[in-house]
Structures are given as C-alpha cells and as structure tokens.
C-alpha cells in the first residue's frame, strides 16, 4: 500500500493506471492529509511512503 497526501491523488492515479498496464501487480493507495498519514506511519501502518 502506498501512502500519499490527498493533494497528489490525480497524479498518483495516473501513475497507478500506467504501471498496471505494464506490471503484473496493482497499486493500492491510502490517501489522507499529511498529519493523518504521519500518525499512521508512526503507528506502524503496513505501507510505503
């Protein structure tokens, strides 16, 4: 799961769509505000940033 600020949603959706056409996996995003994402990372959320 990729964590990204909600302000990056449009570009992230483009990247995910592109990679899903060329890769054998799909990308799952967790969009939230920066503070929410920080709390999730501190709490050991299983994700990449």
N, C-alpha and C. Protein backbone atom coordinates (compact mmCIF):
# COMPACT_ATOMS: atom_id res chain seq x y z
N UNK A 1 0.84 -1.16 0.00
CA UNK A 1 0.00 0.00 0.00
C UNK A 1 0.89 1.23 0.00
N UNK A 2 0.58 2.15 -0.84
CA UNK A 2 1.31 3.41 -0.92
C UNK A 2 0.52 4.47 -0.18
N UNK A 3 1.18 5.21 0.69
CA UNK A 3 0.55 6.34 1.36
C UNK A 3 0.93 7.61 0.63
N UNK A 4 -0.05 8.46 0.39
CA UNK A 4 0.22 9.71 -0.32
C UNK A 4 -0.74 10.77 0.16
N UNK A 5 -0.26 12.00 0.17
CA UNK A 5 -1.13 13.12 0.53
C UNK A 5 -2.24 13.24 -0.49
N UNK A 6 -3.40 13.61 -0.02
CA UNK A 6 -4.57 13.68 -0.89
C UNK A 6 -4.33 14.66 -2.05
N UNK A 7 -3.46 15.63 -1.87
CA UNK A 7 -3.16 16.59 -2.93
C UNK A 7 -2.46 15.94 -4.12
N UNK A 8 -1.94 14.73 -3.94
CA UNK A 8 -1.25 14.01 -5.01
C UNK A 8 -2.13 12.97 -5.70
N UNK A 9 -3.42 12.95 -5.39
CA UNK A 9 -4.31 11.90 -5.87
C UNK A 9 -4.35 11.80 -7.39
N UNK A 10 -4.54 12.91 -8.09
CA UNK A 10 -4.67 12.85 -9.55
C UNK A 10 -3.43 12.25 -10.21
N UNK A 11 -2.26 12.72 -9.82
CA UNK A 11 -1.02 12.22 -10.41
C UNK A 11 -0.79 10.77 -10.02
N UNK A 12 -1.09 10.42 -8.78
CA UNK A 12 -0.91 9.05 -8.32
C UNK A 12 -1.81 8.09 -9.08
N UNK A 13 -3.03 8.51 -9.35
CA UNK A 13 -3.95 7.67 -10.13
C UNK A 13 -3.40 7.44 -11.54
N UNK A 14 -2.80 8.45 -12.12
CA UNK A 14 -2.19 8.30 -13.46
C UNK A 14 -1.04 7.30 -13.42
N UNK A 15 -0.19 7.42 -12.42
CA UNK A 15 0.95 6.52 -12.29
C UNK A 15 0.47 5.08 -12.07
N UNK A 16 -0.53 4.91 -11.23
CA UNK A 16 -1.05 3.56 -10.96
C UNK A 16 -1.63 2.94 -12.23
N UNK A 17 -2.40 3.71 -12.97
CA UNK A 17 -3.00 3.19 -14.20
C UNK A 17 -1.93 2.79 -15.20
N UNK A 18 -0.89 3.59 -15.30
CA UNK A 18 0.20 3.29 -16.21
C UNK A 18 0.95 2.03 -15.79
N UNK A 19 1.25 1.90 -14.51
CA UNK A 19 2.01 0.73 -14.05
C UNK A 19 1.17 -0.54 -14.14
N UNK A 20 -0.13 -0.44 -13.95
CA UNK A 20 -0.98 -1.63 -14.03
C UNK A 20 -1.03 -2.19 -15.45
N UNK A 21 -0.74 -1.35 -16.45
CA UNK A 21 -0.71 -1.82 -17.83
C UNK A 21 0.57 -2.57 -18.15
N UNK A 22 1.64 -2.27 -17.43
CA UNK A 22 2.93 -2.87 -17.76
C UNK A 22 3.44 -3.86 -16.71
N UNK A 23 2.84 -3.85 -15.52
CA UNK A 23 3.31 -4.71 -14.43
C UNK A 23 2.25 -5.77 -14.12
N UNK A 24 2.64 -6.79 -13.38
CA UNK A 24 1.71 -7.87 -13.04
C UNK A 24 1.08 -7.68 -11.67
N UNK A 25 1.10 -6.46 -11.16
CA UNK A 25 0.51 -6.17 -9.85
C UNK A 25 -0.27 -4.87 -9.93
N UNK A 26 -1.13 -4.65 -8.97
CA UNK A 26 -1.85 -3.39 -8.92
C UNK A 26 -1.37 -2.59 -7.71
N UNK A 27 -1.51 -1.29 -7.82
CA UNK A 27 -1.08 -0.39 -6.76
C UNK A 27 -2.30 0.04 -5.96
N UNK A 28 -2.19 -0.04 -4.64
CA UNK A 28 -3.27 0.39 -3.76
C UNK A 28 -2.79 1.61 -3.00
N UNK A 29 -3.60 2.68 -3.05
CA UNK A 29 -3.23 3.92 -2.38
C UNK A 29 -4.06 4.15 -1.13
N UNK A 30 -3.45 4.81 -0.19
CA UNK A 30 -4.10 5.30 1.02
C UNK A 30 -3.92 6.82 0.99
N UNK A 31 -4.96 7.54 0.57
CA UNK A 31 -4.87 8.99 0.50
C UNK A 31 -5.42 9.60 1.77
N UNK A 32 -4.70 10.56 2.32
CA UNK A 32 -5.14 11.25 3.53
C UNK A 32 -4.33 12.54 3.66
N UNK A 33 -4.69 13.30 4.64
CA UNK A 33 -3.92 14.50 4.95
C UNK A 33 -2.57 14.11 5.52
N UNK A 34 -1.63 15.00 5.43
CA UNK A 34 -0.26 14.72 5.88
C UNK A 34 -0.21 14.31 7.35
N UNK A 35 -0.96 14.98 8.20
CA UNK A 35 -0.95 14.65 9.62
C UNK A 35 -1.52 13.26 9.86
N UNK A 36 -2.60 12.92 9.17
CA UNK A 36 -3.18 11.58 9.30
C UNK A 36 -2.18 10.52 8.86
N UNK A 37 -1.51 10.76 7.74
CA UNK A 37 -0.52 9.80 7.25
C UNK A 37 0.62 9.65 8.25
N UNK A 38 1.06 10.75 8.83
CA UNK A 38 2.14 10.70 9.81
C UNK A 38 1.73 9.83 11.00
N UNK A 39 0.52 10.00 11.48
CA UNK A 39 0.04 9.19 12.60
C UNK A 39 0.00 7.71 12.22
N UNK A 40 -0.42 7.42 11.00
CA UNK A 40 -0.49 6.03 10.55
C UNK A 40 0.91 5.40 10.47
N UNK A 41 1.86 6.15 9.94
CA UNK A 41 3.23 5.65 9.84
C UNK A 41 3.83 5.43 11.23
N UNK A 42 3.62 6.37 12.13
CA UNK A 42 4.12 6.23 13.50
C UNK A 42 3.52 5.00 14.17
N UNK A 43 2.26 4.69 13.83
CA UNK A 43 1.58 3.53 14.43
C UNK A 43 1.90 2.23 13.67
N UNK A 44 2.95 2.26 12.82
CA UNK A 44 3.39 1.09 12.06
C UNK A 44 2.38 0.58 11.06
N UNK A 45 1.71 1.48 10.37
CA UNK A 45 0.81 1.06 9.29
C UNK A 45 1.63 0.34 8.23
N UNK A 46 1.11 -0.79 7.69
CA UNK A 46 1.86 -1.54 6.68
C UNK A 46 1.79 -0.82 5.33
N UNK A 47 2.76 0.05 5.09
CA UNK A 47 2.69 0.84 3.86
C UNK A 47 4.06 1.40 3.49
N UNK A 48 4.15 1.86 2.25
CA UNK A 48 5.32 2.61 1.81
C UNK A 48 4.88 4.06 1.60
N UNK A 49 5.82 4.94 1.68
CA UNK A 49 5.50 6.37 1.56
C UNK A 49 6.23 6.93 0.36
